[in-house]
Amino acid sequence: MTSFIRTNFRRAVSFGSVYLILAIVMSILVGGIFSWTASLSEDASLYVASQFPMMIPLFAVIGSFGGLMVFVSDRTKGVYEYLIAYGVSVYKIFWATLLVTLGLVTIFLGISLAGNMAILLLMGSQIQFSLIKLILIYTIPLCYASTAFMCIAGMMWSSLTVRVPGVNSPIGISALIGMLPVMVVYFLTLFGGLGGLSTSIWIIIGGVVLLLVILVIVMMIIANNKMNRERLLSDA
């Protein structure tokens, strides 16, 4: 199982390298624009602390496409027929893909946050505690929760549908599914008093993250108990 995860992780980085690089570049570019704009204002620290960390989860969803791409590709090519024949359960296949996706998110977060912090310092701004707090409580949890939700939803969507020529892959739909909770939290936070980052905002963030985690757990249980092995057989 460990070797299976390692192999799929390397393949996911290769398969989704374009999306991973694009997501990192976009997140750093957006962060750089916010940092530059903030350096021109009198309220720079507040502006920065309340903007670019909140956009990062959107890019994290894009950067984690590689794991789901490997899953869809292997299912289409009949790889899972081979694994199932040797006794590998649906749960293990889903769990391995989820871990691979979270690994991609970790790479994205490490490079993106380091790049944005470096730009912030180069702009002459100080890294305020409010910024660190926002990253720890908002950015990181929402990145992992939204991408995990996107991954499990995409795997179930792919397993329950038959690929029809001319119809978009479930990967594209999954991106919207992963971005939806991020946008909900973003707008609720924005219209709920972004500058103050009040206690109610943290409750909203925690509630959405907790809901996503619960949904992921429930869907994993459904995948283990209800998903027929035939669902992972090749459509060919």
Protein backbone atom coordinates (compact mmCIF):
# COMPACT_ATOMS: atom_id res chain seq x y z
CA MET A 1 0.00 0.00 0.00
CA THR A 2 2.83 2.38 0.88
CA SER A 3 4.62 1.71 -2.40
CA PHE A 4 1.32 2.19 -4.24
CA ILE A 5 0.89 5.62 -2.64
CA ARG A 6 4.49 6.61 -3.38
CA THR A 7 4.18 5.53 -7.01
CA ASN A 8 0.90 7.35 -7.49
CA PHE A 9 2.30 10.46 -5.81
CA ARG A 10 5.19 10.60 -8.28
CA ARG A 11 2.76 10.04 -11.14
CA ALA A 12 0.40 12.71 -9.79
CA VAL A 13 3.22 15.25 -9.66
CA SER A 14 4.06 14.35 -13.27
CA PHE A 15 0.46 14.21 -14.51
CA GLY A 16 -0.58 17.42 -12.80
CA SER A 17 2.70 19.33 -13.00
CA VAL A 18 1.17 21.97 -15.28
CA TYR A 19 -1.70 22.60 -12.87
CA LEU A 20 0.58 22.55 -9.83
CA ILE A 21 3.03 25.03 -11.34
CA LEU A 22 0.18 27.20 -12.66
CA ALA A 23 -1.49 27.28 -9.24
CA ILE A 24 1.76 28.21 -7.48
CA VAL A 25 2.59 30.95 -9.99
CA MET A 26 -0.95 32.37 -9.87
CA SER A 27 -1.03 32.39 -6.07
CA ILE A 28 2.35 34.14 -5.84
CA LEU A 29 1.38 36.59 -8.58
CA VAL A 30 -1.89 37.48 -6.86
CA GLY A 31 -0.09 37.73 -3.53
CA GLY A 32 2.52 39.99 -5.12
CA ILE A 33 -0.17 42.28 -6.53
CA PHE A 34 -1.90 42.51 -3.16
CA SER A 35 1.42 43.17 -1.41
CA TRP A 36 2.37 45.89 -3.87
CA THR A 37 -1.06 47.51 -3.64
CA ALA A 38 -0.96 47.31 0.14
CA SER A 39 2.46 48.96 0.24
CA LEU A 40 0.89 52.04 -1.34
CA SER A 41 -1.81 52.33 1.30
CA GLU A 42 -1.65 53.50 4.89
CA ASP A 43 -3.36 50.36 6.14
CA ALA A 44 -0.97 47.95 4.44
CA SER A 45 -0.77 45.24 7.07
CA LEU A 46 -4.55 44.97 7.44
CA TYR A 47 -5.11 44.91 3.69
CA VAL A 48 -2.55 42.19 3.09
CA ALA A 49 -3.59 40.13 6.10
CA SER A 50 -7.17 40.08 4.89
CA GLN A 51 -6.69 39.40 1.18
CA PHE A 52 -4.09 37.12 -0.36
CA PRO A 53 -4.26 34.33 2.28
CA MET A 54 -7.98 34.10 1.58
CA MET A 55 -7.42 33.50 -2.15
CA ILE A 56 -4.86 30.73 -1.74
CA PRO A 57 -7.40 27.87 -1.17
CA LEU A 58 -8.85 28.54 -4.64
CA PHE A 59 -5.47 27.92 -6.22
CA ALA A 60 -4.89 24.89 -4.00
CA VAL A 61 -7.86 23.17 -5.64
CA ILE A 62 -6.27 23.71 -9.06
CA GLY A 63 -2.83 22.60 -7.90
CA SER A 64 -4.13 19.29 -6.56
CA PHE A 65 -5.64 18.06 -9.84
CA GLY A 66 -2.84 15.51 -10.31
CA GLY A 67 -4.21 12.99 -7.81
CA LEU A 68 -7.65 12.90 -9.39
CA MET A 69 -6.13 12.78 -12.88
CA VAL A 70 -4.22 9.63 -11.94
CA PHE A 71 -7.38 8.05 -10.51
CA VAL A 72 -9.47 8.76 -13.61
CA SER A 73 -6.67 7.64 -15.93
CA ASP A 74 -6.08 4.35 -14.06
CA ARG A 75 -9.79 3.57 -13.91
CA THR A 76 -10.18 4.21 -17.65
CA LYS A 77 -7.16 2.06 -18.50
CA GLY A 78 -8.30 -0.85 -16.33
CA VAL A 79 -5.55 -0.59 -13.69
CA TYR A 80 -8.06 -1.03 -10.88
CA GLU A 81 -9.38 -4.24 -12.44
CA TYR A 82 -5.92 -5.67 -11.89
CA LEU A 83 -5.68 -4.37 -8.32
CA ILE A 84 -9.18 -5.56 -7.40
CA ALA A 85 -8.35 -9.00 -8.78
CA TYR A 86 -5.48 -9.14 -6.25
CA GLY A 87 -7.74 -8.22 -3.37
CA VAL A 88 -7.22 -4.47 -3.09
CA SER A 89 -10.39 -2.89 -1.68
CA VAL A 90 -12.18 0.14 -3.07
CA TYR A 91 -11.55 1.89 0.23
CA LYS A 92 -7.77 1.52 -0.11
CA ILE A 93 -7.85 2.86 -3.67
CA PHE A 94 -9.87 5.88 -2.60
CA TRP A 95 -7.74 6.44 0.50
CA ALA A 96 -4.50 6.27 -1.49
CA THR A 97 -5.76 8.85 -3.97
CA LEU A 98 -6.86 11.13 -1.14
CA LEU A 99 -3.42 10.96 0.51
CA VAL A 100 -1.75 11.71 -2.82
CA THR A 101 -3.99 14.75 -3.28
CA LEU A 102 -3.20 16.04 0.21
CA GLY A 103 0.49 15.56 -0.56
CA LEU A 104 0.15 17.82 -3.61
CA VAL A 105 -1.61 20.42 -1.46
CA THR A 106 1.31 20.31 0.99
CA ILE A 107 3.78 21.01 -1.83
CA PHE A 108 1.60 23.84 -3.09
CA LEU A 109 1.21 25.41 0.35
CA GLY A 110 4.91 25.19 1.16
CA ILE A 111 6.04 26.94 -2.02
CA SER A 112 3.13 29.38 -2.27
CA LEU A 113 3.29 30.60 1.33
CA ALA A 114 7.10 30.86 1.25
CA GLY A 115 6.94 32.84 -1.99
CA ASN A 116 4.25 35.18 -0.73
CA MET A 117 6.04 35.79 2.56
CA ALA A 118 9.26 36.57 0.69
CA ILE A 119 7.47 39.07 -1.55
CA LEU A 120 5.82 40.66 1.46
CA LEU A 121 9.20 41.19 3.12
CA LEU A 122 10.73 42.52 -0.11
CA MET A 123 7.94 45.07 -0.27
CA GLY A 124 9.08 46.36 3.11
CA SER A 125 6.01 45.19 5.01
CA GLN A 126 6.14 43.41 8.33
CA ILE A 127 4.60 39.99 8.85
CA GLN A 128 1.91 40.74 11.37
CA PHE A 129 0.42 38.25 13.83
CA SER A 130 -2.97 38.76 12.18
CA LEU A 131 -1.50 37.41 8.93
CA ILE A 132 -0.07 34.31 10.62
CA LYS A 133 -3.35 33.77 12.44
CA LEU A 134 -5.32 34.00 9.19
CA ILE A 135 -3.02 31.52 7.46
CA LEU A 136 -3.16 29.02 10.32
CA ILE A 137 -6.89 29.22 10.96
CA TYR A 138 -8.25 30.02 7.49
CA THR A 139 -5.83 29.24 4.67
CA ILE A 140 -4.29 25.92 5.67
CA PRO A 141 -7.43 24.16 7.02
CA LEU A 142 -9.56 25.32 4.09
CA CYS A 143 -6.91 24.24 1.56
CA TYR A 144 -6.84 20.69 2.90
CA ALA A 145 -10.60 20.45 3.53
CA SER A 146 -11.70 21.81 0.15
CA THR A 147 -9.24 19.71 -1.86
CA ALA A 148 -10.13 16.55 0.09
CA PHE A 149 -13.80 17.23 -0.62
CA MET A 150 -13.02 17.86 -4.28
CA CYS A 151 -10.98 14.65 -4.52
CA ILE A 152 -13.52 12.28 -2.95
CA ALA A 153 -16.42 13.89 -4.86
CA GLY A 154 -14.47 13.57 -8.11
CA MET A 155 -13.62 9.92 -7.49
CA MET A 156 -17.23 9.03 -6.75
CA TRP A 157 -18.45 11.07 -9.72
CA SER A 158 -16.00 9.30 -12.02
CA SER A 159 -16.92 5.88 -10.62
CA LEU A 160 -20.65 6.42 -11.02
CA THR A 161 -20.60 7.75 -14.55
CA VAL A 162 -19.61 6.42 -17.95
CA ARG A 163 -17.29 8.59 -20.01
CA VAL A 164 -19.10 9.78 -23.13
CA PRO A 165 -17.15 11.25 -26.07
CA GLY A 166 -17.59 15.01 -26.19
CA VAL A 167 -18.53 15.30 -22.53
CA ASN A 168 -16.17 16.98 -20.07
CA SER A 169 -14.26 14.84 -17.60
CA PRO A 170 -15.46 14.74 -13.97
CA ILE A 171 -12.19 16.47 -13.12
CA GLY A 172 -13.56 19.75 -14.47
CA ILE A 173 -16.76 19.43 -12.48
CA SER A 174 -14.77 18.53 -9.37
CA ALA A 175 -12.87 21.80 -9.57
CA LEU A 176 -16.12 23.72 -9.23
CA ILE A 177 -17.17 21.47 -6.35
CA GLY A 178 -13.90 22.16 -4.53
CA MET A 179 -14.02 25.90 -5.15
CA LEU A 180 -17.65 26.33 -4.07
CA PRO A 181 -17.08 26.06 -0.28
CA VAL A 182 -14.02 28.31 -0.57
CA MET A 183 -16.05 31.00 -2.33
CA VAL A 184 -18.87 30.65 0.21
CA VAL A 185 -16.46 31.19 3.11
CA TYR A 186 -14.71 34.02 1.28
CA PHE A 187 -17.88 36.00 0.62
CA LEU A 188 -19.32 35.32 4.06
CA THR A 189 -16.07 36.57 5.56
CA LEU A 190 -15.93 39.53 3.18
CA PHE A 191 -19.44 40.73 3.87
CA GLY A 192 -19.29 39.75 7.52
CA GLY A 193 -16.60 42.25 8.41
CA LEU A 194 -13.30 41.31 6.82
CA GLY A 195 -11.27 43.98 8.57
CA GLY A 196 -12.22 42.95 12.07
CA LEU A 197 -12.04 39.19 11.54
CA SER A 198 -14.52 38.87 14.37
CA THR A 199 -15.33 35.77 16.40
CA SER A 200 -18.37 35.07 14.21
CA ILE A 201 -16.09 34.84 11.18
CA TRP A 202 -13.93 32.22 12.85
CA ILE A 203 -17.09 30.27 13.69
CA ILE A 204 -18.11 30.36 10.02
CA ILE A 205 -14.66 29.20 8.89
CA GLY A 206 -14.51 26.43 11.49
CA GLY A 207 -18.06 25.34 10.69
CA VAL A 208 -17.41 25.04 6.95
CA VAL A 209 -14.12 23.20 7.45
CA LEU A 210 -15.76 20.82 9.93
CA LEU A 211 -18.65 20.23 7.52
CA LEU A 212 -16.24 19.41 4.69
CA VAL A 213 -14.30 16.99 6.89
CA ILE A 214 -17.53 15.27 7.94
CA LEU A 215 -18.66 15.01 4.31
CA VAL A 216 -15.30 13.49 3.32
CA ILE A 217 -15.54 10.92 6.13
CA VAL A 218 -19.14 10.06 5.23
CA MET A 219 -18.29 9.67 1.53
CA MET A 220 -15.29 7.49 2.38
CA ILE A 221 -17.56 5.25 4.46
CA ILE A 222 -20.06 5.10 1.60
CA ALA A 223 -17.25 4.26 -0.82
CA ASN A 224 -16.09 1.44 1.43
CA ASN A 225 -19.51 -0.06 2.19
CA LYS A 226 -21.72 0.81 -0.76
CA MET A 227 -19.49 1.32 -3.80
CA ASN A 228 -19.54 -1.85 -5.88
CA ARG A 229 -16.22 -3.05 -7.21
CA GLU A 230 -17.74 -3.00 -10.70
CA ARG A 231 -17.82 0.79 -10.45
CA LEU A 232 -14.03 0.88 -10.77
CA LEU A 233 -13.88 -1.37 -13.81
CA SER A 234 -12.80 0.12 -17.11
CA ASP A 235 -15.50 1.48 -19.42
CA ALA A 236 -13.61 0.08 -22.39
